[in-house]
PDB file of N, CA and C in Angstrom:
ATOM      1  N   MET A   1     -15.454  16.678   7.308  1.00  0.00           N
ATOM      2  CA  MET A   1     -16.403  17.024   6.269  1.00  0.00           C
ATOM      3  C   MET A   1     -17.343  18.104   6.802  1.00  0.00           C
ATOM      4  N   ASN A   2     -17.847  18.916   5.932  1.00  0.00           N
ATOM      5  CA  ASN A   2     -18.732  20.000   6.300  1.00  0.00           C
ATOM      6  C   ASN A   2     -20.034  19.452   6.906  1.00  0.00           C
ATOM      7  N   LYS A   3     -20.468  20.036   8.031  1.00  0.00           N
ATOM      8  CA  LYS A   3     -21.678  19.561   8.723  1.00  0.00           C
ATOM      9  C   LYS A   3     -22.920  19.724   7.847  1.00  0.00           C
ATOM     10  N   PHE A   4     -22.993  20.803   7.080  1.00  0.00           N
ATOM     11  CA  PHE A   4     -24.149  21.016   6.212  1.00  0.00           C
ATOM     12  C   PHE A   4     -24.263  19.911   5.175  1.00  0.00           C
ATOM     13  N   LEU A   5     -23.142  19.531   4.582  1.00  0.00           N
ATOM     14  CA  LEU A   5     -23.140  18.458   3.600  1.00  0.00           C
ATOM     15  C   LEU A   5     -23.528  17.125   4.247  1.00  0.00           C
ATOM     16  N   LEU A   6     -23.069  16.891   5.470  1.00  0.00           N
ATOM     17  CA  LEU A   6     -23.440  15.667   6.180  1.00  0.00           C
ATOM     18  C   LEU A   6     -24.942  15.609   6.457  1.00  0.00           C
ATOM     19  N   VAL A   7     -25.538  16.745   6.789  1.00  0.00           N
ATOM     20  CA  VAL A   7     -26.990  16.784   7.030  1.00  0.00           C
ATOM     21  C   VAL A   7     -27.745  16.454   5.750  1.00  0.00           C
ATOM     22  N   ILE A   8     -27.317  17.007   4.632  1.00  0.00           N
ATOM     23  CA  ILE A   8     -27.961  16.720   3.350  1.00  0.00           C
ATOM     24  C   ILE A   8     -27.821  15.235   3.010  1.00  0.00           C
ATOM     25  N   LEU A   9     -26.630  14.682   3.217  1.00  0.00           N
ATOM     26  CA  LEU A   9     -26.430  13.251   2.962  1.00  0.00           C
ATOM     27  C   LEU A   9     -27.266  12.395   3.900  1.00  0.00           C
ATOM     28  N   CYS A  10     -27.406  12.816   5.148  1.00  0.00           N
ATOM     29  CA  CYS A  10     -28.234  12.064   6.102  1.00  0.00           C
ATOM     30  C   CYS A  10     -29.683  11.981   5.634  1.00  0.00           C
ATOM     31  N   LEU A  11     -30.162  13.027   5.018  1.00  0.00           N
ATOM     32  CA  LEU A  11     -31.554  13.046   4.568  1.00  0.00           C
ATOM     33  C   LEU A  11     -31.789  12.180   3.335  1.00  0.00           C
ATOM     34  N   PHE A  12     -30.830  12.165   2.415  1.00  0.00           N
ATOM     35  CA  PHE A  12     -31.059  11.478   1.150  1.00  0.00           C
ATOM     36  C   PHE A  12     -30.326  10.139   1.027  1.00  0.00           C
ATOM     37  N   LEU A  13     -29.127  10.041   1.573  1.00  0.00           N
ATOM     38  CA  LEU A  13     -28.324   8.810   1.506  1.00  0.00           C
ATOM     39  C   LEU A  13     -27.675   8.555   2.868  1.00  0.00           C
ATOM     40  N   PRO A  14     -28.451   8.077   3.823  1.00  0.00           N
ATOM     41  CA  PRO A  14     -27.917   7.910   5.181  1.00  0.00           C
ATOM     42  C   PRO A  14     -26.658   7.048   5.278  1.00  0.00           C
ATOM     43  N   PRO A  15     -26.557   5.902   4.592  1.00  0.00           N
ATOM     44  CA  PRO A  15     -25.327   5.121   4.725  1.00  0.00           C
ATOM     45  C   PRO A  15     -24.089   5.843   4.187  1.00  0.00           C
ATOM     46  N   VAL A  16     -24.253   6.652   3.169  1.00  0.00           N
ATOM     47  CA  VAL A  16     -23.117   7.394   2.616  1.00  0.00           C
ATOM     48  C   VAL A  16     -22.626   8.432   3.624  1.00  0.00           C
ATOM     49  N   ALA A  17     -23.541   9.065   4.336  1.00  0.00           N
ATOM     50  CA  ALA A  17     -23.146  10.037   5.361  1.00  0.00           C
ATOM     51  C   ALA A  17     -22.351   9.362   6.470  1.00  0.00           C
ATOM     52  N   VAL A  18     -22.803   8.183   6.889  1.00  0.00           N
ATOM     53  CA  VAL A  18     -22.080   7.443   7.930  1.00  0.00           C
ATOM     54  C   VAL A  18     -20.726   6.985   7.407  1.00  0.00           C
ATOM     55  N   LEU A  19     -20.676   6.555   6.171  1.00  0.00           N
ATOM     56  CA  LEU A  19     -19.421   6.119   5.559  1.00  0.00           C
ATOM     57  C   LEU A  19     -18.416   7.267   5.500  1.00  0.00           C
ATOM     58  N   CYS A  20     -18.855   8.455   5.135  1.00  0.00           N
ATOM     59  CA  CYS A  20     -17.961   9.608   5.054  1.00  0.00           C
ATOM     60  C   CYS A  20     -17.457  10.030   6.428  1.00  0.00           C
ATOM     61  N   ASN A  21     -18.296   9.868   7.452  1.00  0.00           N
ATOM     62  CA  ASN A  21     -17.929  10.332   8.780  1.00  0.00           C
ATOM     63  C   ASN A  21     -17.162   9.290   9.587  1.00  0.00           C
ATOM     64  N   ARG A  22     -17.578   8.035   9.549  1.00  0.00           N
ATOM     65  CA  ARG A  22     -17.007   6.994  10.402  1.00  0.00           C
ATOM     66  C   ARG A  22     -16.187   5.944   9.666  1.00  0.00           C
ATOM     67  N   GLY A  23     -16.358   5.839   8.375  1.00  0.00           N
ATOM     68  CA  GLY A  23     -15.651   4.804   7.628  1.00  0.00           C
ATOM     69  C   GLY A  23     -16.496   3.541   7.529  1.00  0.00           C
ATOM     70  N   LEU A  24     -15.888   2.524   6.957  1.00  0.00           N
ATOM     71  CA  LEU A  24     -16.588   1.262   6.725  1.00  0.00           C
ATOM     72  C   LEU A  24     -16.454   0.393   7.975  1.00  0.00           C
ATOM     73  N   GLY A  25     -17.508   0.402   8.771  1.00  0.00           N
ATOM     74  CA  GLY A  25     -17.494  -0.350  10.022  1.00  0.00           C
ATOM     75  C   GLY A  25     -18.903  -0.745  10.411  1.00  0.00           C
ATOM     76  N   LYS A  26     -19.067  -1.064  11.682  1.00  0.00           N
ATOM     77  CA  LYS A  26     -20.376  -1.538  12.137  1.00  0.00           C
ATOM     78  C   LYS A  26     -21.455  -0.464  12.013  1.00  0.00           C
ATOM     79  N   ASP A  27     -21.103   0.811  12.230  1.00  0.00           N
ATOM     80  CA  ASP A  27     -22.091   1.879  12.104  1.00  0.00           C
ATOM     81  C   ASP A  27     -22.618   1.982  10.677  1.00  0.00           C
ATOM     82  N   PHE A  28     -21.736   1.790   9.701  1.00  0.00           N
ATOM     83  CA  PHE A  28     -22.174   1.823   8.304  1.00  0.00           C
ATOM     84  C   PHE A  28     -23.157   0.694   8.014  1.00  0.00           C
ATOM     85  N   PHE A  29     -22.841  -0.517   8.469  1.00  0.00           N
ATOM     86  CA  PHE A  29     -23.712  -1.651   8.181  1.00  0.00           C
ATOM     87  C   PHE A  29     -25.054  -1.545   8.903  1.00  0.00           C
ATOM     88  N   ILE A  30     -25.058  -1.007  10.106  1.00  0.00           N
ATOM     89  CA  ILE A  30     -26.319  -0.783  10.817  1.00  0.00           C
ATOM     90  C   ILE A  30     -27.162   0.224  10.050  1.00  0.00           C
ATOM     91  N   SER A  31     -26.543   1.302   9.618  1.00  0.00           N
ATOM     92  CA  SER A  31     -27.265   2.320   8.857  1.00  0.00           C
ATOM     93  C   SER A  31     -27.783   1.764   7.533  1.00  0.00           C
ATOM     94  N   PHE A  32     -26.979   0.942   6.883  1.00  0.00           N
ATOM     95  CA  PHE A  32     -27.372   0.343   5.609  1.00  0.00           C
ATOM     96  C   PHE A  32     -28.596  -0.558   5.769  1.00  0.00           C
ATOM     97  N   VAL A  33     -28.585  -1.410   6.787  1.00  0.00           N
ATOM     98  CA  VAL A  33     -29.709  -2.325   7.020  1.00  0.00           C
ATOM     99  C   VAL A  33     -30.957  -1.547   7.416  1.00  0.00           C
ATOM    100  N   LEU A  34     -30.818  -0.564   8.284  1.00  0.00           N
ATOM    101  CA  LEU A  34     -31.972   0.239   8.680  1.00  0.00           C
ATOM    102  C   LEU A  34     -32.568   0.996   7.501  1.00  0.00           C
ATOM    103  N   THR A  35     -31.704   1.499   6.629  1.00  0.00           N
ATOM    104  CA  THR A  35     -32.192   2.234   5.464  1.00  0.00           C
ATOM    105  C   THR A  35     -32.896   1.302   4.480  1.00  0.00           C
ATOM    106  N   LEU A  36     -32.377   0.100   4.309  1.00  0.00           N
ATOM    107  CA  LEU A  36     -33.032  -0.851   3.407  1.00  0.00           C
ATOM    108  C   LEU A  36     -34.395  -1.290   3.933  1.00  0.00           C
ATOM    109  N   CYS A  37     -34.464  -1.550   5.227  1.00  0.00           N
ATOM    110  CA  CYS A  37     -35.716  -2.046   5.810  1.00  0.00           C
ATOM    111  C   CYS A  37     -36.708  -0.922   6.079  1.00  0.00           C
ATOM    112  N   PHE A  38     -36.236   0.115   6.742  1.00  0.00           N
ATOM    113  CA  PHE A  38     -37.096   1.221   7.159  1.00  0.00           C
ATOM    114  C   PHE A  38     -36.309   2.510   6.954  1.00  0.00           C
ATOM    115  N   PHE A  39     -36.735   3.341   6.030  1.00  0.00           N
ATOM    116  CA  PHE A  39     -35.943   4.508   5.646  1.00  0.00           C
ATOM    117  C   PHE A  39     -35.807   5.539   6.767  1.00  0.00           C
ATOM    118  N   ILE A  40     -36.883   5.830   7.484  1.00  0.00           N
ATOM    119  CA  ILE A  40     -36.859   6.858   8.533  1.00  0.00           C
ATOM    120  C   ILE A  40     -35.915   6.478   9.675  1.00  0.00           C
ATOM    121  N   PRO A  41     -35.943   5.241  10.190  1.00  0.00           N
ATOM    122  CA  PRO A  41     -34.946   4.886  11.213  1.00  0.00           C
ATOM    123  C   PRO A  41     -33.505   4.960  10.699  1.00  0.00           C
ATOM    124  N   GLY A  42     -33.306   4.702   9.421  1.00  0.00           N
ATOM    125  CA  GLY A  42     -31.975   4.860   8.834  1.00  0.00           C
ATOM    126  C   GLY A  42     -31.502   6.301   8.883  1.00  0.00           C
ATOM    127  N   ILE A  43     -32.419   7.222   8.619  1.00  0.00           N
ATOM    128  CA  ILE A  43     -32.093   8.649   8.697  1.00  0.00           C
ATOM    129  C   ILE A  43     -31.776   9.047  10.128  1.00  0.00           C
ATOM    130  N   ILE A  44     -32.579   8.577  11.071  1.00  0.00           N
ATOM    131  CA  ILE A  44     -32.362   8.903  12.478  1.00  0.00           C
ATOM    132  C   ILE A  44     -31.016   8.359  12.953  1.00  0.00           C
ATOM    133  N   HIS A  45     -30.712   7.135  12.594  1.00  0.00           N
ATOM    134  CA  HIS A  45     -29.425   6.549  12.982  1.00  0.00           C
ATOM    135  C   HIS A  45     -28.267   7.331  12.377  1.00  0.00           C
ATOM    136  N   ALA A  46     -28.384   7.715  11.120  1.00  0.00           N
ATOM    137  CA  ALA A  46     -27.318   8.484  10.470  1.00  0.00           C
ATOM    138  C   ALA A  46     -27.104   9.820  11.171  1.00  0.00           C
ATOM    139  N   PHE A  47     -28.190  10.496  11.552  1.00  0.00           N
ATOM    140  CA  PHE A  47     -28.054  11.754  12.282  1.00  0.00           C
ATOM    141  C   PHE A  47     -27.363  11.537  13.621  1.00  0.00           C
ATOM    142  N   CYS A  48     -27.757  10.507  14.338  1.00  0.00           N
ATOM    143  CA  CYS A  48     -27.148  10.229  15.646  1.00  0.00           C
ATOM    144  C   CYS A  48     -25.662   9.929  15.515  1.00  0.00           C
ATOM    145  N   VAL A  49     -25.290   9.171  14.505  1.00  0.00           N
ATOM    146  CA  VAL A  49     -23.886   8.797  14.332  1.00  0.00           C
ATOM    147  C   VAL A  49     -23.066   9.980  13.834  1.00  0.00           C
ATOM    148  N   THR A  50     -23.546  10.703  12.856  1.00  0.00           N
ATOM    149  CA  THR A  50     -22.742  11.766  12.267  1.00  0.00           C
ATOM    150  C   THR A  50     -22.676  13.006  13.153  1.00  0.00           C
ATOM    151  N   MET A  51     -23.718  13.285  13.888  1.00  0.00           N
ATOM    152  CA  MET A  51     -23.713  14.451  14.767  1.00  0.00           C
ATOM    153  C   MET A  51     -23.227  14.107  16.173  1.00  0.00           C
ATOM    154  N   GLU A  52     -22.881  12.835  16.387  1.00  0.00           N
ATOM    155  CA  GLU A  52     -22.302  12.345  17.626  1.00  0.00           C
ATOM    156  C   GLU A  52     -23.168  12.663  18.834  1.00  0.00           C
ATOM    157  N   VAL A  53     -24.439  12.309  18.732  1.00  0.00           N
ATOM    158  CA  VAL A  53     -25.381  12.528  19.815  1.00  0.00           C
ATOM    159  C   VAL A  53     -25.211  11.425  20.849  1.00  0.00           C
ATOM    160  N   GLY A  54     -24.954  11.797  22.071  1.00  0.00           N
ATOM    161  CA  GLY A  54     -24.942  10.842  23.164  1.00  0.00           C
ATOM    162  C   GLY A  54     -23.638  10.103  23.421  1.00  0.00           C
ATOM    163  N   ARG A  55     -22.615  10.329  22.648  1.00  0.00           N
ATOM    164  CA  ARG A  55     -21.332   9.675  22.920  1.00  0.00           C
ATOM    165  C   ARG A  55     -20.196  10.450  22.281  1.00  0.00           C
ATOM    166  N   LYS A  56     -19.030  10.212  22.796  1.00  0.00           N
ATOM    167  CA  LYS A  56     -17.852  10.864  22.245  1.00  0.00           C
ATOM    168  C   LYS A  56     -17.310  10.055  21.089  1.00  0.00           C
ATOM    169  N   ARG A  57     -16.718  10.728  20.139  1.00  0.00           N
ATOM    170  CA  ARG A  57     -16.122  10.044  18.999  1.00  0.00           C
ATOM    171  C   ARG A  57     -14.802   9.415  19.420  1.00  0.00           C
ATOM    172  N   ARG A  58     -14.635   8.170  19.026  1.00  0.00           N
ATOM    173  CA  ARG A  58     -13.389   7.473  19.347  1.00  0.00           C
ATOM    174  C   ARG A  58     -12.271   7.980  18.462  1.00  0.00           C
ATOM    175  N   ARG A  59     -11.129   8.233  19.078  1.00  0.00           N
ATOM    176  CA  ARG A  59      -9.960   8.662  18.304  1.00  0.00           C
ATOM    177  C   ARG A  59      -9.193   7.450  17.830  1.00  0.00           C
ATOM    178  N   ARG A  60      -8.718   7.526  16.599  1.00  0.00           N
ATOM    179  CA  ARG A  60      -7.963   6.405  16.038  1.00  0.00           C
ATOM    180  C   ARG A  60      -6.546   6.811  15.803  1.00  0.00           C
TER     181      ARG A  60
END
């Protein structure tokens, strides 16, 4: 998916950005809970997951 579109999704719908990038897994549920409880940490988590900060993406 286009990185620009992922950044826009991270800002407005963080769980959707994680879903598009990683699929339905633990990262999506973490992002969903963080966004429901605290919106800003949800955005930060979505950026970290979608931009792959600090770890390599697992190949499937």
